[in-house]
Amino acid sequence: MIPKLEAIKHLFLHEWDPIGVAEFPEASDEYDSYALRVFTALHDGATAQAIAEYLAWLELDHMGLSALSGRGEAIADKVIAIHLSTPTA
C-alpha cells in the first residue's frame, strides 16, 4: 500500500465524488483509476492547474456530467499538499 496513493483515493471518494457514490460500499473503488493517474502525473511534475483541468475533463467529457462539481480546484490543491507532505512509504 502506498500512503500517497491511498490518501488521493480517499480524497477523491470522500471529497470530490462528482457522481455521489461515497455512501455505497460497493463503489469504494469507483475513482481509483483516476487517483492512480493523478498519482503518476504528480511524479512527472503535474501542477495543481493540470490536475484541476484533468478533474474537469473527467466530470464533463468522460463522465458526461452537465456541470462541474465546483470542487476540482480545491481537490487539486489538496492533492498537491498530499504529494508534498505524505511520506512515500
N, C-alpha and C. Protein backbone atom coordinates (compact mmCIF):
# COMPACT_ATOMS: atom_id res chain seq x y z
N MET A 1 0.84 -1.18 0.00
CA MET A 1 0.00 0.00 0.00
C MET A 1 0.89 1.25 0.00
N ILE A 2 0.55 2.20 -0.84
CA ILE A 2 1.31 3.43 -0.95
C ILE A 2 0.50 4.55 -0.29
N PRO A 3 0.99 5.12 0.80
CA PRO A 3 0.21 6.12 1.53
C PRO A 3 -0.29 7.29 0.69
N LYS A 4 0.55 7.83 -0.18
CA LYS A 4 0.12 8.96 -1.01
C LYS A 4 -1.04 8.56 -1.92
N LEU A 5 -0.92 7.43 -2.55
CA LEU A 5 -1.98 6.96 -3.44
C LEU A 5 -3.26 6.70 -2.66
N GLU A 6 -3.14 6.07 -1.51
CA GLU A 6 -4.32 5.79 -0.68
C GLU A 6 -4.98 7.09 -0.23
N ALA A 7 -4.18 8.09 0.09
CA ALA A 7 -4.73 9.38 0.51
C ALA A 7 -5.47 10.06 -0.64
N ILE A 8 -4.95 9.95 -1.84
CA ILE A 8 -5.61 10.54 -3.02
C ILE A 8 -6.91 9.79 -3.31
N LYS A 9 -6.89 8.47 -3.23
CA LYS A 9 -8.11 7.68 -3.42
C LYS A 9 -9.19 8.11 -2.43
N HIS A 10 -8.81 8.25 -1.18
CA HIS A 10 -9.74 8.66 -0.13
C HIS A 10 -10.30 10.05 -0.44
N LEU A 11 -9.44 10.96 -0.81
CA LEU A 11 -9.85 12.32 -1.15
C LEU A 11 -10.85 12.33 -2.30
N PHE A 12 -10.56 11.56 -3.34
CA PHE A 12 -11.46 11.52 -4.49
C PHE A 12 -12.82 10.96 -4.10
N LEU A 13 -12.86 9.91 -3.31
CA LEU A 13 -14.12 9.28 -2.95
C LEU A 13 -14.92 10.12 -1.95
N HIS A 14 -14.25 10.71 -0.98
CA HIS A 14 -14.97 11.36 0.11
C HIS A 14 -15.10 12.87 -0.01
N GLU A 15 -14.31 13.51 -0.88
CA GLU A 15 -14.42 14.96 -1.01
C GLU A 15 -14.73 15.41 -2.44
N TRP A 16 -14.22 14.72 -3.43
CA TRP A 16 -14.51 15.10 -4.82
C TRP A 16 -15.83 14.48 -5.24
N ASP A 17 -15.93 13.21 -5.34
CA ASP A 17 -17.14 12.40 -5.58
C ASP A 17 -18.21 13.08 -6.44
N PRO A 18 -17.90 13.38 -7.69
CA PRO A 18 -18.87 14.11 -8.53
C PRO A 18 -20.14 13.34 -8.87
N ILE A 19 -20.11 12.01 -8.77
CA ILE A 19 -21.33 11.27 -9.09
C ILE A 19 -22.03 10.73 -7.84
N GLY A 20 -21.54 11.10 -6.67
CA GLY A 20 -22.23 10.79 -5.43
C GLY A 20 -22.31 9.33 -5.05
N VAL A 21 -21.18 8.63 -5.11
CA VAL A 21 -21.19 7.21 -4.78
C VAL A 21 -20.54 6.87 -3.44
N ALA A 22 -20.06 7.85 -2.72
CA ALA A 22 -19.30 7.59 -1.49
C ALA A 22 -20.09 6.79 -0.46
N GLU A 23 -21.40 6.93 -0.46
CA GLU A 23 -22.21 6.24 0.54
C GLU A 23 -22.44 4.76 0.23
N PHE A 24 -22.02 4.31 -0.94
CA PHE A 24 -22.24 2.93 -1.36
C PHE A 24 -20.94 2.13 -1.24
N PRO A 25 -20.84 1.22 -0.28
CA PRO A 25 -19.60 0.46 -0.08
C PRO A 25 -19.12 -0.26 -1.34
N GLU A 26 -20.03 -0.74 -2.16
CA GLU A 26 -19.62 -1.46 -3.36
C GLU A 26 -18.96 -0.55 -4.40
N ALA A 27 -19.05 0.75 -4.21
CA ALA A 27 -18.44 1.70 -5.14
C ALA A 27 -17.16 2.33 -4.58
N SER A 28 -16.61 1.73 -3.55
CA SER A 28 -15.45 2.33 -2.88
C SER A 28 -14.23 2.47 -3.78
N ASP A 29 -14.20 1.74 -4.88
CA ASP A 29 -13.05 1.83 -5.80
C ASP A 29 -13.40 2.60 -7.07
N GLU A 30 -14.50 3.30 -7.08
CA GLU A 30 -15.00 3.98 -8.28
C GLU A 30 -13.99 4.94 -8.91
N TYR A 31 -13.23 5.64 -8.11
CA TYR A 31 -12.30 6.65 -8.63
C TYR A 31 -10.83 6.23 -8.56
N ASP A 32 -10.58 4.97 -8.24
CA ASP A 32 -9.20 4.50 -8.06
C ASP A 32 -8.33 4.69 -9.30
N SER A 33 -8.86 4.43 -10.47
CA SER A 33 -8.04 4.57 -11.68
C SER A 33 -7.68 6.03 -11.92
N TYR A 34 -8.58 6.94 -11.58
CA TYR A 34 -8.29 8.38 -11.73
C TYR A 34 -7.23 8.80 -10.72
N ALA A 35 -7.34 8.28 -9.51
CA ALA A 35 -6.36 8.59 -8.47
C ALA A 35 -4.98 8.09 -8.87
N LEU A 36 -4.92 6.90 -9.45
CA LEU A 36 -3.63 6.36 -9.90
C LEU A 36 -3.03 7.23 -11.00
N ARG A 37 -3.86 7.68 -11.91
CA ARG A 37 -3.35 8.54 -12.98
C ARG A 37 -2.81 9.86 -12.41
N VAL A 38 -3.51 10.45 -11.45
CA VAL A 38 -3.04 11.68 -10.82
C VAL A 38 -1.76 11.42 -10.03
N PHE A 39 -1.73 10.32 -9.30
CA PHE A 39 -0.53 9.95 -8.54
C PHE A 39 0.69 9.85 -9.47
N THR A 40 0.52 9.21 -10.59
CA THR A 40 1.60 9.09 -11.58
C THR A 40 1.98 10.45 -12.15
N ALA A 41 0.97 11.26 -12.46
CA ALA A 41 1.23 12.59 -13.02
C ALA A 41 2.01 13.46 -12.04
N LEU A 42 1.76 13.32 -10.76
CA LEU A 42 2.50 14.08 -9.75
C LEU A 42 3.98 13.77 -9.82
N HIS A 43 4.31 12.52 -10.02
CA HIS A 43 5.72 12.13 -10.13
C HIS A 43 6.35 12.64 -11.41
N ASP A 44 5.52 12.99 -12.38
CA ASP A 44 6.02 13.56 -13.64
C ASP A 44 5.98 15.09 -13.61
N GLY A 45 5.65 15.67 -12.45
CA GLY A 45 5.69 17.12 -12.28
C GLY A 45 4.38 17.86 -12.51
N ALA A 46 3.25 17.17 -12.46
CA ALA A 46 1.95 17.82 -12.69
C ALA A 46 1.73 18.95 -11.68
N THR A 47 1.11 20.00 -12.15
CA THR A 47 0.76 21.14 -11.29
C THR A 47 -0.68 21.02 -10.82
N ALA A 48 -1.04 21.85 -9.86
CA ALA A 48 -2.43 21.88 -9.39
C ALA A 48 -3.37 22.25 -10.53
N GLN A 49 -2.95 23.16 -11.39
CA GLN A 49 -3.79 23.55 -12.52
C GLN A 49 -4.02 22.36 -13.46
N ALA A 50 -2.98 21.61 -13.74
CA ALA A 50 -3.12 20.44 -14.63
C ALA A 50 -4.06 19.40 -14.01
N ILE A 51 -3.96 19.21 -12.71
CA ILE A 51 -4.84 18.25 -12.04
C ILE A 51 -6.28 18.73 -12.07
N ALA A 52 -6.49 20.02 -11.79
CA ALA A 52 -7.84 20.59 -11.84
C ALA A 52 -8.44 20.45 -13.23
N GLU A 53 -7.64 20.68 -14.27
CA GLU A 53 -8.11 20.53 -15.64
C GLU A 53 -8.47 19.07 -15.94
N TYR A 54 -7.68 18.14 -15.44
CA TYR A 54 -7.98 16.72 -15.62
C TYR A 54 -9.30 16.35 -14.93
N LEU A 55 -9.49 16.84 -13.71
CA LEU A 55 -10.74 16.56 -13.00
C LEU A 55 -11.94 17.16 -13.74
N ALA A 56 -11.77 18.35 -14.29
CA ALA A 56 -12.86 18.97 -15.07
C ALA A 56 -13.15 18.13 -16.31
N TRP A 57 -12.10 17.67 -16.97
CA TRP A 57 -12.29 16.82 -18.15
C TRP A 57 -13.04 15.54 -17.78
N LEU A 58 -12.63 14.94 -16.64
CA LEU A 58 -13.31 13.73 -16.19
C LEU A 58 -14.80 13.98 -15.99
N GLU A 59 -15.13 15.05 -15.30
CA GLU A 59 -16.52 15.34 -14.98
C GLU A 59 -17.35 15.62 -16.24
N LEU A 60 -16.86 16.48 -17.09
CA LEU A 60 -17.66 16.92 -18.24
C LEU A 60 -17.61 15.96 -19.42
N ASP A 61 -16.43 15.55 -19.79
CA ASP A 61 -16.28 14.74 -21.01
C ASP A 61 -16.35 13.24 -20.75
N HIS A 62 -15.60 12.79 -19.77
CA HIS A 62 -15.54 11.35 -19.52
C HIS A 62 -16.80 10.81 -18.83
N MET A 63 -17.24 11.51 -17.79
CA MET A 63 -18.43 11.07 -17.05
C MET A 63 -19.73 11.60 -17.67
N GLY A 64 -19.59 12.63 -18.49
CA GLY A 64 -20.77 13.19 -19.17
C GLY A 64 -21.68 14.01 -18.29
N LEU A 65 -21.15 14.55 -17.20
CA LEU A 65 -21.97 15.40 -16.34
C LEU A 65 -22.25 16.72 -17.03
N SER A 66 -23.35 17.34 -16.71
CA SER A 66 -23.73 18.57 -17.39
C SER A 66 -23.10 19.82 -16.78
N ALA A 67 -22.55 19.70 -15.58
CA ALA A 67 -21.90 20.83 -14.92
C ALA A 67 -20.77 20.32 -14.04
N LEU A 68 -19.80 21.17 -13.81
CA LEU A 68 -18.69 20.81 -12.93
C LEU A 68 -19.17 20.77 -11.49
N SER A 69 -18.55 19.94 -10.70
CA SER A 69 -18.89 19.83 -9.28
C SER A 69 -18.50 21.09 -8.52
N GLY A 70 -17.53 21.83 -9.05
CA GLY A 70 -17.04 23.01 -8.37
C GLY A 70 -15.96 22.72 -7.34
N ARG A 71 -15.57 21.45 -7.26
CA ARG A 71 -14.58 21.06 -6.25
C ARG A 71 -13.20 20.78 -6.85
N GLY A 72 -13.07 20.82 -8.15
CA GLY A 72 -11.82 20.42 -8.80
C GLY A 72 -10.59 21.18 -8.36
N GLU A 73 -10.68 22.50 -8.27
CA GLU A 73 -9.51 23.29 -7.89
C GLU A 73 -9.10 23.02 -6.45
N ALA A 74 -10.07 22.95 -5.55
CA ALA A 74 -9.76 22.68 -4.15
C ALA A 74 -9.16 21.27 -3.99
N ILE A 75 -9.70 20.32 -4.72
CA ILE A 75 -9.19 18.95 -4.67
C ILE A 75 -7.77 18.91 -5.23
N ALA A 76 -7.53 19.61 -6.30
CA ALA A 76 -6.19 19.65 -6.89
C ALA A 76 -5.18 20.23 -5.89
N ASP A 77 -5.56 21.27 -5.18
CA ASP A 77 -4.67 21.84 -4.16
C ASP A 77 -4.39 20.83 -3.06
N LYS A 78 -5.41 20.08 -2.66
CA LYS A 78 -5.22 19.07 -1.62
C LYS A 78 -4.34 17.92 -2.11
N VAL A 79 -4.47 17.58 -3.39
CA VAL A 79 -3.62 16.53 -3.96
C VAL A 79 -2.16 16.97 -3.93
N ILE A 80 -1.90 18.22 -4.27
CA ILE A 80 -0.54 18.73 -4.23
C ILE A 80 -0.03 18.69 -2.78
N ALA A 81 -0.85 19.08 -1.83
CA ALA A 81 -0.45 19.03 -0.43
C ALA A 81 -0.12 17.61 0.01
N ILE A 82 -0.91 16.66 -0.42
CA ILE A 82 -0.63 15.25 -0.12
C ILE A 82 0.71 14.86 -0.70
N HIS A 83 0.94 15.23 -1.93
CA HIS A 83 2.19 14.89 -2.62
C HIS A 83 3.40 15.47 -1.90
N LEU A 84 3.25 16.67 -1.39
CA LEU A 84 4.39 17.34 -0.74
C LEU A 84 4.60 16.91 0.70
N SER A 85 3.56 16.41 1.38
CA SER A 85 3.70 16.18 2.82
C SER A 85 3.63 14.73 3.27
N THR A 86 3.06 13.86 2.52
CA THR A 86 2.90 12.49 2.96
C THR A 86 4.12 11.66 2.59
N PRO A 87 4.65 10.88 3.50
CA PRO A 87 5.80 10.02 3.16
C PRO A 87 5.41 9.03 2.05
N THR A 88 6.40 8.61 1.29
CA THR A 88 6.15 7.68 0.18
C THR A 88 6.00 6.25 0.64
N ALA A 89 6.49 5.91 1.78
CA ALA A 89 6.39 4.52 2.25
C ALA A 89 5.94 4.45 3.68
